[in-house]
Amino acid sequence: MPSNTMVMRSLTAIIVLAFTIWTVADAEKVSPCCVAVSTFMEDIAITGYRLQLKNLPCIRAVIFQTEKGQFCIDPSQPWVRKKITEFRRSQKNKMSPTSASPSLTFSAPQNSTVSTQTEK
């Protein structure tokens, strides 16, 4: 019959192992929102954007969608508004008044006030 010390050591080892696996699995999860922002972005074309409101752990951000992926940007940066304006103008120019359906779709994802994406 095992002693109490051996049982306690075994239980402790199981708990430590379970906690380690749980922590590693948790660290690999990608946050569904921006939890940090950048003040700079390469000069690459955006294919869409959305505004994210602060709702912890999510922070206030503009999320630019590009061919390279999504970028969480500080909305207080002066160049951000210009980039959005340029994108909106380019989308208006792409839309034809005779087309049956517009090339923009609007939706309100969670933690966002506005969403603009282009269909491919």
PDB file of N, CA and C in Angstrom:
ATOM      1  N   MET A   1       0.840  -1.171   0.000  1.00  0.00           N
ATOM      2  CA  MET A   1       0.000   0.000   0.000  1.00  0.00           C
ATOM      3  C   MET A   1       0.895   1.248   0.000  1.00  0.00           C
ATOM      4  N   PRO A   2       0.621   2.216  -0.942  1.00  0.00           N
ATOM      5  CA  PRO A   2       1.478   3.408  -1.012  1.00  0.00           C
ATOM      6  C   PRO A   2       1.295   4.293   0.212  1.00  0.00           C
ATOM      7  N   SER A   3       2.350   4.954   0.577  1.00  0.00           N
ATOM      8  CA  SER A   3       2.277   5.840   1.725  1.00  0.00           C
ATOM      9  C   SER A   3       1.590   7.146   1.337  1.00  0.00           C
ATOM     10  N   ASN A   4       1.147   7.902   2.318  1.00  0.00           N
ATOM     11  CA  ASN A   4       0.493   9.192   2.085  1.00  0.00           C
ATOM     12  C   ASN A   4       1.426  10.171   1.366  1.00  0.00           C
ATOM     13  N   THR A   5       2.712  10.098   1.660  1.00  0.00           N
ATOM     14  CA  THR A   5       3.672  10.993   1.026  1.00  0.00           C
ATOM     15  C   THR A   5       3.733  10.730  -0.480  1.00  0.00           C
ATOM     16  N   MET A   6       3.742   9.466  -0.877  1.00  0.00           N
ATOM     17  CA  MET A   6       3.795   9.130  -2.301  1.00  0.00           C
ATOM     18  C   MET A   6       2.512   9.566  -3.008  1.00  0.00           C
ATOM     19  N   VAL A   7       1.381   9.412  -2.362  1.00  0.00           N
ATOM     20  CA  VAL A   7       0.102   9.825  -2.950  1.00  0.00           C
ATOM     21  C   VAL A   7       0.082  11.345  -3.126  1.00  0.00           C
ATOM     22  N   MET A   8       0.537  12.058  -2.128  1.00  0.00           N
ATOM     23  CA  MET A   8       0.565  13.523  -2.211  1.00  0.00           C
ATOM     24  C   MET A   8       1.521  13.989  -3.318  1.00  0.00           C
ATOM     25  N   ARG A   9       2.681  13.350  -3.428  1.00  0.00           N
ATOM     26  CA  ARG A   9       3.620  13.716  -4.483  1.00  0.00           C
ATOM     27  C   ARG A   9       3.014  13.447  -5.867  1.00  0.00           C
ATOM     28  N   SER A  10       2.334  12.344  -6.011  1.00  0.00           N
ATOM     29  CA  SER A  10       1.702  12.005  -7.298  1.00  0.00           C
ATOM     30  C   SER A  10       0.618  13.017  -7.648  1.00  0.00           C
ATOM     31  N   LEU A  11      -0.200  13.365  -6.679  1.00  0.00           N
ATOM     32  CA  LEU A  11      -1.252  14.358  -6.914  1.00  0.00           C
ATOM     33  C   LEU A  11      -0.663  15.721  -7.264  1.00  0.00           C
ATOM     34  N   THR A  12       0.396  16.095  -6.571  1.00  0.00           N
ATOM     35  CA  THR A  12       1.060  17.375  -6.857  1.00  0.00           C
ATOM     36  C   THR A  12       1.623  17.382  -8.278  1.00  0.00           C
ATOM     37  N   ALA A  13       2.233  16.292  -8.681  1.00  0.00           N
ATOM     38  CA  ALA A  13       2.788  16.201 -10.033  1.00  0.00           C
ATOM     39  C   ALA A  13       1.682  16.295 -11.080  1.00  0.00           C
ATOM     40  N   ILE A  14       0.566  15.657 -10.846  1.00  0.00           N
ATOM     41  CA  ILE A  14      -0.567  15.705 -11.778  1.00  0.00           C
ATOM     42  C   ILE A  14      -1.109  17.130 -11.879  1.00  0.00           C
ATOM     43  N   ILE A  15      -1.242  17.810 -10.762  1.00  0.00           N
ATOM     44  CA  ILE A  15      -1.759  19.184 -10.752  1.00  0.00           C
ATOM     45  C   ILE A  15      -0.805  20.120 -11.493  1.00  0.00           C
ATOM     46  N   VAL A  16       0.487  19.992 -11.243  1.00  0.00           N
ATOM     47  CA  VAL A  16       1.479  20.841 -11.923  1.00  0.00           C
ATOM     48  C   VAL A  16       1.447  20.582 -13.422  1.00  0.00           C
ATOM     49  N   LEU A  17       1.377  19.325 -13.818  1.00  0.00           N
ATOM     50  CA  LEU A  17       1.329  18.980 -15.230  1.00  0.00           C
ATOM     51  C   LEU A  17       0.060  19.538 -15.888  1.00  0.00           C
ATOM     52  N   ALA A  18      -1.071  19.376 -15.244  1.00  0.00           N
ATOM     53  CA  ALA A  18      -2.330  19.891 -15.791  1.00  0.00           C
ATOM     54  C   ALA A  18      -2.295  21.411 -15.917  1.00  0.00           C
ATOM     55  N   PHE A  19      -1.765  22.107 -14.930  1.00  0.00           N
ATOM     56  CA  PHE A  19      -1.670  23.564 -14.973  1.00  0.00           C
ATOM     57  C   PHE A  19      -0.749  24.023 -16.098  1.00  0.00           C
ATOM     58  N   THR A  20       0.372  23.319 -16.278  1.00  0.00           N
ATOM     59  CA  THR A  20       1.314  23.662 -17.342  1.00  0.00           C
ATOM     60  C   THR A  20       0.670  23.495 -18.714  1.00  0.00           C
ATOM     61  N   ILE A  21      -0.026  22.403 -18.938  1.00  0.00           N
ATOM     62  CA  ILE A  21      -0.703  22.168 -20.223  1.00  0.00           C
ATOM     63  C   ILE A  21      -1.762  23.230 -20.446  1.00  0.00           C
ATOM     64  N   TRP A  22      -2.542  23.569 -19.435  1.00  0.00           N
ATOM     65  CA  TRP A  22      -3.606  24.572 -19.540  1.00  0.00           C
ATOM     66  C   TRP A  22      -3.022  25.946 -19.863  1.00  0.00           C
ATOM     67  N   THR A  23      -1.904  26.304 -19.231  1.00  0.00           N
ATOM     68  CA  THR A  23      -1.269  27.597 -19.454  1.00  0.00           C
ATOM     69  C   THR A  23      -0.714  27.699 -20.866  1.00  0.00           C
ATOM     70  N   VAL A  24      -0.058  26.659 -21.353  1.00  0.00           N
ATOM     71  CA  VAL A  24       0.504  26.663 -22.705  1.00  0.00           C
ATOM     72  C   VAL A  24      -0.619  26.752 -23.732  1.00  0.00           C
ATOM     73  N   ALA A  25      -1.688  26.002 -23.552  1.00  0.00           N
ATOM     74  CA  ALA A  25      -2.814  26.043 -24.483  1.00  0.00           C
ATOM     75  C   ALA A  25      -3.445  27.427 -24.483  1.00  0.00           C
ATOM     76  N   ASP A  26      -3.536  28.064 -23.333  1.00  0.00           N
ATOM     77  CA  ASP A  26      -4.116  29.402 -23.225  1.00  0.00           C
ATOM     78  C   ASP A  26      -3.249  30.437 -23.926  1.00  0.00           C
ATOM     79  N   ALA A  27      -1.942  30.292 -23.859  1.00  0.00           N
ATOM     80  CA  ALA A  27      -1.023  31.251 -24.463  1.00  0.00           C
ATOM     81  C   ALA A  27      -1.083  31.194 -25.986  1.00  0.00           C
ATOM     82  N   GLU A  28      -1.468  30.066 -26.551  1.00  0.00           N
ATOM     83  CA  GLU A  28      -1.520  29.925 -27.998  1.00  0.00           C
ATOM     84  C   GLU A  28      -2.804  30.486 -28.598  1.00  0.00           C
ATOM     85  N   LYS A  29      -3.785  30.791 -27.791  1.00  0.00           N
ATOM     86  CA  LYS A  29      -5.033  31.349 -28.293  1.00  0.00           C
ATOM     87  C   LYS A  29      -4.794  32.761 -28.803  1.00  0.00           C
ATOM     88  N   VAL A  30      -5.394  33.072 -29.927  1.00  0.00           N
ATOM     89  CA  VAL A  30      -5.269  34.409 -30.496  1.00  0.00           C
ATOM     90  C   VAL A  30      -6.450  35.237 -30.020  1.00  0.00           C
ATOM     91  N   SER A  31      -6.164  36.425 -29.560  1.00  0.00           N
ATOM     92  CA  SER A  31      -7.219  37.307 -29.104  1.00  0.00           C
ATOM     93  C   SER A  31      -8.084  37.714 -30.292  1.00  0.00           C
ATOM     94  N   PRO A  32      -9.404  37.705 -30.146  1.00  0.00           N
ATOM     95  CA  PRO A  32     -10.284  38.075 -31.256  1.00  0.00           C
ATOM     96  C   PRO A  32     -10.347  39.589 -31.473  1.00  0.00           C
ATOM     97  N   CYS A  33      -9.554  40.326 -30.720  1.00  0.00           N
ATOM     98  CA  CYS A  33      -9.577  41.779 -30.839  1.00  0.00           C
ATOM     99  C   CYS A  33      -8.180  42.330 -30.569  1.00  0.00           C
ATOM    100  N   CYS A  34      -8.041  43.629 -30.800  1.00  0.00           N
ATOM    101  CA  CYS A  34      -6.748  44.280 -30.558  1.00  0.00           C
ATOM    102  C   CYS A  34      -6.567  44.531 -29.063  1.00  0.00           C
ATOM    103  N   VAL A  35      -5.432  44.100 -28.544  1.00  0.00           N
ATOM    104  CA  VAL A  35      -5.100  44.374 -27.145  1.00  0.00           C
ATOM    105  C   VAL A  35      -3.889  45.293 -27.060  1.00  0.00           C
ATOM    106  N   ALA A  36      -3.309  45.621 -28.221  1.00  0.00           N
ATOM    107  CA  ALA A  36      -2.205  46.576 -28.334  1.00  0.00           C
ATOM    108  C   ALA A  36      -2.306  47.210 -29.717  1.00  0.00           C
ATOM    109  N   VAL A  37      -1.802  48.432 -29.853  1.00  0.00           N
ATOM    110  CA  VAL A  37      -1.859  49.125 -31.138  1.00  0.00           C
ATOM    111  C   VAL A  37      -0.483  49.625 -31.541  1.00  0.00           C
ATOM    112  N   SER A  38      -0.339  49.838 -32.845  1.00  0.00           N
ATOM    113  CA  SER A  38       0.883  50.396 -33.399  1.00  0.00           C
ATOM    114  C   SER A  38       0.591  51.825 -33.839  1.00  0.00           C
ATOM    115  N   THR A  39       1.619  52.650 -33.873  1.00  0.00           N
ATOM    116  CA  THR A  39       1.458  54.018 -34.363  1.00  0.00           C
ATOM    117  C   THR A  39       1.935  54.143 -35.805  1.00  0.00           C
ATOM    118  N   PHE A  40       2.428  53.027 -36.374  1.00  0.00           N
ATOM    119  CA  PHE A  40       2.986  53.040 -37.716  1.00  0.00           C
ATOM    120  C   PHE A  40       2.515  51.806 -38.470  1.00  0.00           C
ATOM    121  N   MET A  41       2.336  51.959 -39.790  1.00  0.00           N
ATOM    122  CA  MET A  41       2.017  50.833 -40.652  1.00  0.00           C
ATOM    123  C   MET A  41       2.718  51.058 -41.990  1.00  0.00           C
ATOM    124  N   GLU A  42       3.218  49.986 -42.578  1.00  0.00           N
ATOM    125  CA  GLU A  42       3.828  50.102 -43.903  1.00  0.00           C
ATOM    126  C   GLU A  42       2.850  50.791 -44.847  1.00  0.00           C
ATOM    127  N   ASP A  43       3.365  51.412 -45.880  1.00  0.00           N
ATOM    128  CA  ASP A  43       2.504  52.060 -46.861  1.00  0.00           C
ATOM    129  C   ASP A  43       2.004  51.008 -47.846  1.00  0.00           C
ATOM    130  N   ILE A  44       1.030  50.212 -47.381  1.00  0.00           N
ATOM    131  CA  ILE A  44       0.424  49.181 -48.217  1.00  0.00           C
ATOM    132  C   ILE A  44      -1.063  49.440 -48.319  1.00  0.00           C
ATOM    133  N   ALA A  45      -1.639  48.993 -49.420  1.00  0.00           N
ATOM    134  CA  ALA A  45      -3.069  49.222 -49.654  1.00  0.00           C
ATOM    135  C   ALA A  45      -3.909  48.451 -48.648  1.00  0.00           C
ATOM    136  N   ILE A  46      -4.977  49.095 -48.196  1.00  0.00           N
ATOM    137  CA  ILE A  46      -5.900  48.402 -47.297  1.00  0.00           C
ATOM    138  C   ILE A  46      -7.082  47.891 -48.113  1.00  0.00           C
ATOM    139  N   THR A  47      -7.608  46.760 -47.691  1.00  0.00           N
ATOM    140  CA  THR A  47      -8.760  46.163 -48.361  1.00  0.00           C
ATOM    141  C   THR A  47     -10.020  46.326 -47.527  1.00  0.00           C
ATOM    142  N   GLY A  48      -9.879  46.825 -46.322  1.00  0.00           N
ATOM    143  CA  GLY A  48     -11.015  47.057 -45.437  1.00  0.00           C
ATOM    144  C   GLY A  48     -10.532  47.589 -44.105  1.00  0.00           C
ATOM    145  N   TYR A  49     -11.462  48.021 -43.307  1.00  0.00           N
ATOM    146  CA  TYR A  49     -11.111  48.503 -41.976  1.00  0.00           C
ATOM    147  C   TYR A  49     -12.330  48.405 -41.078  1.00  0.00           C
ATOM    148  N   ARG A  50     -12.092  48.465 -39.779  1.00  0.00           N
ATOM    149  CA  ARG A  50     -13.188  48.560 -38.809  1.00  0.00           C
ATOM    150  C   ARG A  50     -12.681  49.284 -37.578  1.00  0.00           C
ATOM    151  N   LEU A  51     -13.595  49.890 -36.870  1.00  0.00           N
ATOM    152  CA  LEU A  51     -13.266  50.607 -35.646  1.00  0.00           C
ATOM    153  C   LEU A  51     -13.628  49.714 -34.470  1.00  0.00           C
ATOM    154  N   GLN A  52     -12.712  49.587 -33.539  1.00  0.00           N
ATOM    155  CA  GLN A  52     -12.944  48.774 -32.354  1.00  0.00           C
ATOM    156  C   GLN A  52     -13.038  49.680 -31.138  1.00  0.00           C
ATOM    157  N   LEU A  53     -14.080  49.502 -30.352  1.00  0.00           N
ATOM    158  CA  LEU A  53     -14.250  50.267 -29.124  1.00  0.00           C
ATOM    159  C   LEU A  53     -13.544  49.574 -27.968  1.00  0.00           C
ATOM    160  N   LYS A  54     -13.263  50.328 -26.927  1.00  0.00           N
ATOM    161  CA  LYS A  54     -12.634  49.764 -25.733  1.00  0.00           C
ATOM    162  C   LYS A  54     -13.654  48.916 -24.992  1.00  0.00           C
ATOM    163  N   ASN A  55     -13.303  47.665 -24.781  1.00  0.00           N
ATOM    164  CA  ASN A  55     -14.110  46.715 -24.021  1.00  0.00           C
ATOM    165  C   ASN A  55     -13.124  45.655 -23.542  1.00  0.00           C
ATOM    166  N   LEU A  56     -12.502  45.927 -22.389  1.00  0.00           N
ATOM    167  CA  LEU A  56     -11.383  45.124 -21.902  1.00  0.00           C
ATOM    168  C   LEU A  56     -11.617  43.629 -22.052  1.00  0.00           C
ATOM    169  N   PRO A  57     -10.630  42.905 -22.554  1.00  0.00           N
ATOM    170  CA  PRO A  57      -9.241  43.282 -22.755  1.00  0.00           C
ATOM    171  C   PRO A  57      -9.014  44.036 -24.078  1.00  0.00           C
ATOM    172  N   CYS A  58     -10.047  44.180 -24.893  1.00  0.00           N
ATOM    173  CA  CYS A  58      -9.903  44.894 -26.164  1.00  0.00           C
ATOM    174  C   CYS A  58      -9.735  46.386 -25.897  1.00  0.00           C
ATOM    175  N   ILE A  59      -8.920  47.030 -26.729  1.00  0.00           N
ATOM    176  CA  ILE A  59      -8.689  48.463 -26.575  1.00  0.00           C
ATOM    177  C   ILE A  59      -9.210  49.194 -27.800  1.00  0.00           C
ATOM    178  N   ARG A  60      -9.325  50.517 -27.694  1.00  0.00           N
ATOM    179  CA  ARG A  60      -9.781  51.345 -28.812  1.00  0.00           C
ATOM    180  C   ARG A  60      -8.742  51.266 -29.922  1.00  0.00           C
ATOM    181  N   ALA A  61      -9.198  50.927 -31.157  1.00  0.00           N
ATOM    182  CA  ALA A  61      -8.257  50.751 -32.258  1.00  0.00           C
ATOM    183  C   ALA A  61      -8.973  50.854 -33.595  1.00  0.00           C
ATOM    184  N   VAL A  62      -8.194  51.149 -34.624  1.00  0.00           N
ATOM    185  CA  VAL A  62      -8.642  50.993 -36.001  1.00  0.00           C
ATOM    186  C   VAL A  62      -7.939  49.742 -36.506  1.00  0.00           C
ATOM    187  N   ILE A  63      -8.710  48.818 -37.053  1.00  0.00           N
ATOM    188  CA  ILE A  63      -8.137  47.582 -37.561  1.00  0.00           C
ATOM    189  C   ILE A  63      -8.164  47.654 -39.082  1.00  0.00           C
ATOM    190  N   PHE A  64      -6.978  47.765 -39.676  1.00  0.00           N
ATOM    191  CA  PHE A  64      -6.859  47.797 -41.124  1.00  0.00           C
ATOM    192  C   PHE A  64      -6.650  46.378 -41.629  1.00  0.00           C
ATOM    193  N   GLN A  65      -7.447  45.990 -42.616  1.00  0.00           N
ATOM    194  CA  GLN A  65      -7.268  44.700 -43.284  1.00  0.00           C
ATOM    195  C   GLN A  65      -6.459  44.941 -44.549  1.00  0.00           C
ATOM    196  N   THR A  66      -5.409  44.150 -44.756  1.00  0.00           N
ATOM    197  CA  THR A  66      -4.569  44.266 -45.945  1.00  0.00           C
ATOM    198  C   THR A  66      -4.333  42.873 -46.507  1.00  0.00           C
ATOM    199  N   GLU A  67      -3.638  42.828 -47.634  1.00  0.00           N
ATOM    200  CA  GLU A  67      -3.257  41.535 -48.210  1.00  0.00           C
ATOM    201  C   GLU A  67      -2.319  40.779 -47.266  1.00  0.00           C
ATOM    202  N   LYS A  68      -1.594  41.498 -46.431  1.00  0.00           N
ATOM    203  CA  LYS A  68      -0.638  40.883 -45.495  1.00  0.00           C
ATOM    204  C   LYS A  68      -1.280  40.502 -44.162  1.00  0.00           C
ATOM    205  N   GLY A  69      -2.536  40.851 -43.950  1.00  0.00           N
ATOM    206  CA  GLY A  69      -3.211  40.538 -42.704  1.00  0.00           C
ATOM    207  C   GLY A  69      -3.816  41.777 -42.065  1.00  0.00           C
ATOM    208  N   GLN A  70      -4.158  41.648 -40.783  1.00  0.00           N
ATOM    209  CA  GLN A  70      -4.778  42.748 -40.053  1.00  0.00           C
ATOM    210  C   GLN A  70      -3.737  43.484 -39.222  1.00  0.00           C
ATOM    211  N   PHE A  71      -3.944  44.807 -39.118  1.00  0.00           N
ATOM    212  CA  PHE A  71      -3.052  45.644 -38.328  1.00  0.00           C
ATOM    213  C   PHE A  71      -3.886  46.461 -37.348  1.00  0.00           C
ATOM    214  N   CYS A  72      -3.540  46.405 -36.073  1.00  0.00           N
ATOM    215  CA  CYS A  72      -4.202  47.186 -35.039  1.00  0.00           C
ATOM    216  C   CYS A  72      -3.456  48.517 -34.910  1.00  0.00           C
ATOM    217  N   ILE A  73      -4.159  49.603 -35.190  1.00  0.00           N
ATOM    218  CA  ILE A  73      -3.525  50.912 -35.258  1.00  0.00           C
ATOM    219  C   ILE A  73      -4.169  51.866 -34.252  1.00  0.00           C
ATOM    220  N   ASP A  74      -3.347  52.735 -33.693  1.00  0.00           N
ATOM    221  CA  ASP A  74      -3.805  53.781 -32.774  1.00  0.00           C
ATOM    222  C   ASP A  74      -4.675  54.776 -33.547  1.00  0.00           C
ATOM    223  N   PRO A  75      -5.960  54.903 -33.212  1.00  0.00           N
ATOM    224  CA  PRO A  75      -6.846  55.792 -33.969  1.00  0.00           C
ATOM    225  C   PRO A  75      -6.535  57.273 -33.789  1.00  0.00           C
ATOM    226  N   SER A  76      -5.728  57.639 -32.827  1.00  0.00           N
ATOM    227  CA  SER A  76      -5.414  59.055 -32.623  1.00  0.00           C
ATOM    228  C   SER A  76      -4.296  59.552 -33.530  1.00  0.00           C
ATOM    229  N   GLN A  77      -3.690  58.664 -34.296  1.00  0.00           N
ATOM    230  CA  GLN A  77      -2.633  59.063 -35.221  1.00  0.00           C
ATOM    231  C   GLN A  77      -3.228  59.891 -36.362  1.00  0.00           C
ATOM    232  N   PRO A  78      -2.618  61.014 -36.716  1.00  0.00           N
ATOM    233  CA  PRO A  78      -3.175  61.898 -37.749  1.00  0.00           C
ATOM    234  C   PRO A  78      -3.308  61.239 -39.119  1.00  0.00           C
ATOM    235  N   TRP A  79      -2.451  60.318 -39.464  1.00  0.00           N
ATOM    236  CA  TRP A  79      -2.483  59.696 -40.779  1.00  0.00           C
ATOM    237  C   TRP A  79      -3.600  58.668 -40.932  1.00  0.00           C
ATOM    238  N   VAL A  80      -4.169  58.208 -39.829  1.00  0.00           N
ATOM    239  CA  VAL A  80      -5.189  57.158 -39.882  1.00  0.00           C
ATOM    240  C   VAL A  80      -6.442  57.654 -40.596  1.00  0.00           C
ATOM    241  N   ARG A  81      -6.933  58.830 -40.236  1.00  0.00           N
ATOM    242  CA  ARG A  81      -8.133  59.383 -40.873  1.00  0.00           C
ATOM    243  C   ARG A  81      -7.916  59.566 -42.376  1.00  0.00           C
ATOM    244  N   LYS A  82      -6.713  60.029 -42.738  1.00  0.00           N
ATOM    245  CA  LYS A  82      -6.395  60.220 -44.155  1.00  0.00           C
ATOM    246  C   LYS A  82      -6.436  58.885 -44.900  1.00  0.00           C
ATOM    247  N   LYS A  83      -5.881  57.850 -44.297  1.00  0.00           N
ATOM    248  CA  LYS A  83      -5.864  56.514 -44.909  1.00  0.00           C
ATOM    249  C   LYS A  83      -7.291  55.994 -45.104  1.00  0.00           C
ATOM    250  N   ILE A  84      -8.150  56.213 -44.132  1.00  0.00           N
ATOM    251  CA  ILE A  84      -9.549  55.780 -44.237  1.00  0.00           C
ATOM    252  C   ILE A  84     -10.259  56.557 -45.338  1.00  0.00           C
ATOM    253  N   THR A  85     -10.047  57.864 -45.391  1.00  0.00           N
ATOM    254  CA  THR A  85     -10.665  58.703 -46.428  1.00  0.00           C
ATOM    255  C   THR A  85     -10.226  58.254 -47.816  1.00  0.00           C
ATOM    256  N   GLU A  86      -8.942  57.999 -47.984  1.00  0.00           N
ATOM    257  CA  GLU A  86      -8.434  57.525 -49.273  1.00  0.00           C
ATOM    258  C   GLU A  86      -9.078  56.193 -49.656  1.00  0.00           C
ATOM    259  N   PHE A  87      -9.208  55.296 -48.685  1.00  0.00           N
ATOM    260  CA  PHE A  87      -9.812  53.993 -48.948  1.00  0.00           C
ATOM    261  C   PHE A  87     -11.273  54.157 -49.381  1.00  0.00           C
ATOM    262  N   ARG A  88     -12.018  54.986 -48.651  1.00  0.00           N
ATOM    263  CA  ARG A  88     -13.436  55.188 -48.983  1.00  0.00           C
ATOM    264  C   ARG A  88     -13.606  55.795 -50.369  1.00  0.00           C
ATOM    265  N   ARG A  89     -12.745  56.749 -50.724  1.00  0.00           N
ATOM    266  CA  ARG A  89     -12.802  57.347 -52.071  1.00  0.00           C
ATOM    267  C   ARG A  89     -12.511  56.301 -53.146  1.00  0.00           C
ATOM    268  N   SER A  90     -11.525  55.473 -52.909  1.00  0.00           N
ATOM    269  CA  SER A  90     -11.180  54.448 -53.902  1.00  0.00           C
ATOM    270  C   SER A  90     -12.330  53.453 -54.072  1.00  0.00           C
ATOM    271  N   GLN A  91     -13.051  53.170 -52.988  1.00  0.00           N
ATOM    272  CA  GLN A  91     -14.178  52.252 -53.083  1.00  0.00           C
ATOM    273  C   GLN A  91     -15.345  52.886 -53.838  1.00  0.00           C
ATOM    274  N   LYS A  92     -15.566  54.180 -53.644  1.00  0.00           N
ATOM    275  CA  LYS A  92     -16.630  54.876 -54.384  1.00  0.00           C
ATOM    276  C   LYS A  92     -16.324  54.871 -55.875  1.00  0.00           C
ATOM    277  N   ASN A  93     -15.049  55.060 -56.222  1.00  0.00           N
ATOM    278  CA  ASN A  93     -14.649  55.067 -57.623  1.00  0.00           C
ATOM    279  C   ASN A  93     -14.795  53.694 -58.267  1.00  0.00           C
ATOM    280  N   LYS A  94     -14.659  52.626 -57.482  1.00  0.00           N
ATOM    281  CA  LYS A  94     -14.794  51.266 -58.006  1.00  0.00           C
ATOM    282  C   LYS A  94     -16.250  50.889 -58.243  1.00  0.00           C
ATOM    283  N   MET A  95     -17.152  51.511 -57.498  1.00  0.00           N
ATOM    284  CA  MET A  95     -18.569  51.176 -57.621  1.00  0.00           C
ATOM    285  C   MET A  95     -19.148  51.822 -58.867  1.00  0.00           C
ATOM    286  N   SER A  96     -19.874  51.037 -59.635  1.00  0.00           N
ATOM    287  CA  SER A  96     -20.522  51.534 -60.840  1.00  0.00           C
ATOM    288  C   SER A  96     -21.988  51.806 -60.537  1.00  0.00           C
ATOM    289  N   PRO A  97     -22.557  52.917 -61.013  1.00  0.00           N
ATOM    290  CA  PRO A  97     -23.965  53.193 -60.732  1.00  0.00           C
ATOM    291  C   PRO A  97     -24.896  52.178 -61.386  1.00  0.00           C
ATOM    292  N   THR A  98     -24.416  51.422 -62.364  1.00  0.00           N
ATOM    293  CA  THR A  98     -25.269  50.438 -63.031  1.00  0.00           C
ATOM    294  C   THR A  98     -25.118  49.041 -62.454  1.00  0.00           C
ATOM    295  N   SER A  99     -24.209  48.859 -61.505  1.00  0.00           N
ATOM    296  CA  SER A  99     -24.018  47.515 -60.957  1.00  0.00           C
ATOM    297  C   SER A  99     -25.201  47.131 -60.083  1.00  0.00           C
ATOM    298  N   ALA A 100     -25.514  45.853 -60.094  1.00  0.00           N
ATOM    299  CA  ALA A 100     -26.670  45.350 -59.347  1.00  0.00           C
ATOM    300  C   ALA A 100     -26.410  45.322 -57.854  1.00  0.00           C
ATOM    301  N   SER A 101     -25.174  45.033 -57.462  1.00  0.00           N
ATOM    302  CA  SER A 101     -24.863  44.991 -56.034  1.00  0.00           C
ATOM    303  C   SER A 101     -23.584  45.756 -55.775  1.00  0.00           C
ATOM    304  N   PRO A 102     -23.538  46.525 -54.694  1.00  0.00           N
ATOM    305  CA  PRO A 102     -22.325  47.289 -54.384  1.00  0.00           C
ATOM    306  C   PRO A 102     -21.197  46.362 -53.967  1.00  0.00           C
ATOM    307  N   SER A 103     -19.959  46.859 -54.099  1.00  0.00           N
ATOM    308  CA  SER A 103     -18.803  46.036 -53.740  1.00  0.00           C
ATOM    309  C   SER A 103     -18.440  46.140 -52.265  1.00  0.00           C
ATOM    310  N   LEU A 104     -19.191  46.893 -51.502  1.00  0.00           N
ATOM    311  CA  LEU A 104     -18.932  47.022 -50.071  1.00  0.00           C
ATOM    312  C   LEU A 104     -20.030  46.329 -49.282  1.00  0.00           C
ATOM    313  N   THR A 105     -19.646  45.717 -48.183  1.00  0.00           N
ATOM    314  CA  THR A 105     -20.632  45.173 -47.263  1.00  0.00           C
ATOM    315  C   THR A 105     -20.405  45.838 -45.920  1.00  0.00           C
ATOM    316  N   PHE A 106     -21.455  46.123 -45.230  1.00  0.00           N
ATOM    317  CA  PHE A 106     -21.366  46.768 -43.933  1.00  0.00           C
ATOM    318  C   PHE A 106     -21.944  45.835 -42.890  1.00  0.00           C
ATOM    319  N   SER A 107     -21.225  45.689 -41.799  1.00  0.00           N
ATOM    320  CA  SER A 107     -21.717  44.901 -40.684  1.00  0.00           C
ATOM    321  C   SER A 107     -21.167  45.494 -39.408  1.00  0.00           C
ATOM    322  N   ALA A 108     -21.708  45.108 -38.294  1.00  0.00           N
ATOM    323  CA  ALA A 108     -21.246  45.611 -37.007  1.00  0.00           C
ATOM    324  C   ALA A 108     -20.755  44.447 -36.165  1.00  0.00           C
ATOM    325  N   PRO A 109     -19.466  44.061 -36.326  1.00  0.00           N
ATOM    326  CA  PRO A 109     -18.944  42.985 -35.493  1.00  0.00           C
ATOM    327  C   PRO A 109     -18.876  43.405 -34.031  1.00  0.00           C
ATOM    328  N   GLN A 110     -18.764  42.423 -33.175  1.00  0.00           N
ATOM    329  CA  GLN A 110     -18.684  42.693 -31.742  1.00  0.00           C
ATOM    330  C   GLN A 110     -17.526  43.638 -31.456  1.00  0.00           C
ATOM    331  N   ASN A 111     -17.732  44.584 -30.573  1.00  0.00           N
ATOM    332  CA  ASN A 111     -16.743  45.579 -30.156  1.00  0.00           C
ATOM    333  C   ASN A 111     -16.414  46.585 -31.244  1.00  0.00           C
ATOM    334  N   SER A 112     -17.275  46.743 -32.228  1.00  0.00           N
ATOM    335  CA  SER A 112     -17.003  47.674 -33.309  1.00  0.00           C
ATOM    336  C   SER A 112     -18.171  48.610 -33.507  1.00  0.00           C
ATOM    337  N   THR A 113     -17.864  49.774 -34.074  1.00  0.00           N
ATOM    338  CA  THR A 113     -18.916  50.703 -34.407  1.00  0.00           C
ATOM    339  C   THR A 113     -19.182  50.720 -35.894  1.00  0.00           C
ATOM    340  N   VAL A 114     -18.158  50.474 -36.707  1.00  0.00           N
ATOM    341  CA  VAL A 114     -18.293  50.499 -38.153  1.00  0.00           C
ATOM    342  C   VAL A 114     -17.425  49.402 -38.721  1.00  0.00           C
ATOM    343  N   SER A 115     -17.892  48.749 -39.773  1.00  0.00           N
ATOM    344  CA  SER A 115     -17.070  47.757 -40.445  1.00  0.00           C
ATOM    345  C   SER A 115     -17.190  47.970 -41.932  1.00  0.00           C
ATOM    346  N   THR A 116     -16.078  47.980 -42.621  1.00  0.00           N
ATOM    347  CA  THR A 116     -16.078  48.111 -44.057  1.00  0.00           C
ATOM    348  C   THR A 116     -15.126  47.083 -44.615  1.00  0.00           C
ATOM    349  N   GLN A 117     -15.633  46.223 -45.490  1.00  0.00           N
ATOM    350  CA  GLN A 117     -14.799  45.209 -46.101  1.00  0.00           C
ATOM    351  C   GLN A 117     -15.180  45.118 -47.558  1.00  0.00           C
ATOM    352  N   THR A 118     -14.242  44.747 -48.381  1.00  0.00           N
ATOM    353  CA  THR A 118     -14.531  44.530 -49.781  1.00  0.00           C
ATOM    354  C   THR A 118     -14.668  43.049 -50.050  1.00  0.00           C
ATOM    355  N   GLU A 119     -15.525  42.732 -50.996  1.00  0.00           N
ATOM    356  CA  GLU A 119     -15.693  41.332 -51.385  1.00  0.00           C
ATOM    357  C   GLU A 119     -14.745  41.054 -52.516  1.00  0.00           C
ATOM    358  N   LYS A 120     -14.250  39.819 -52.582  1.00  0.00           N
ATOM    359  CA  LYS A 120     -13.343  39.447 -53.668  1.00  0.00           C
ATOM    360  C   LYS A 120     -13.996  38.413 -54.533  1.00  0.00           C
TER     361      LYS A 120
END
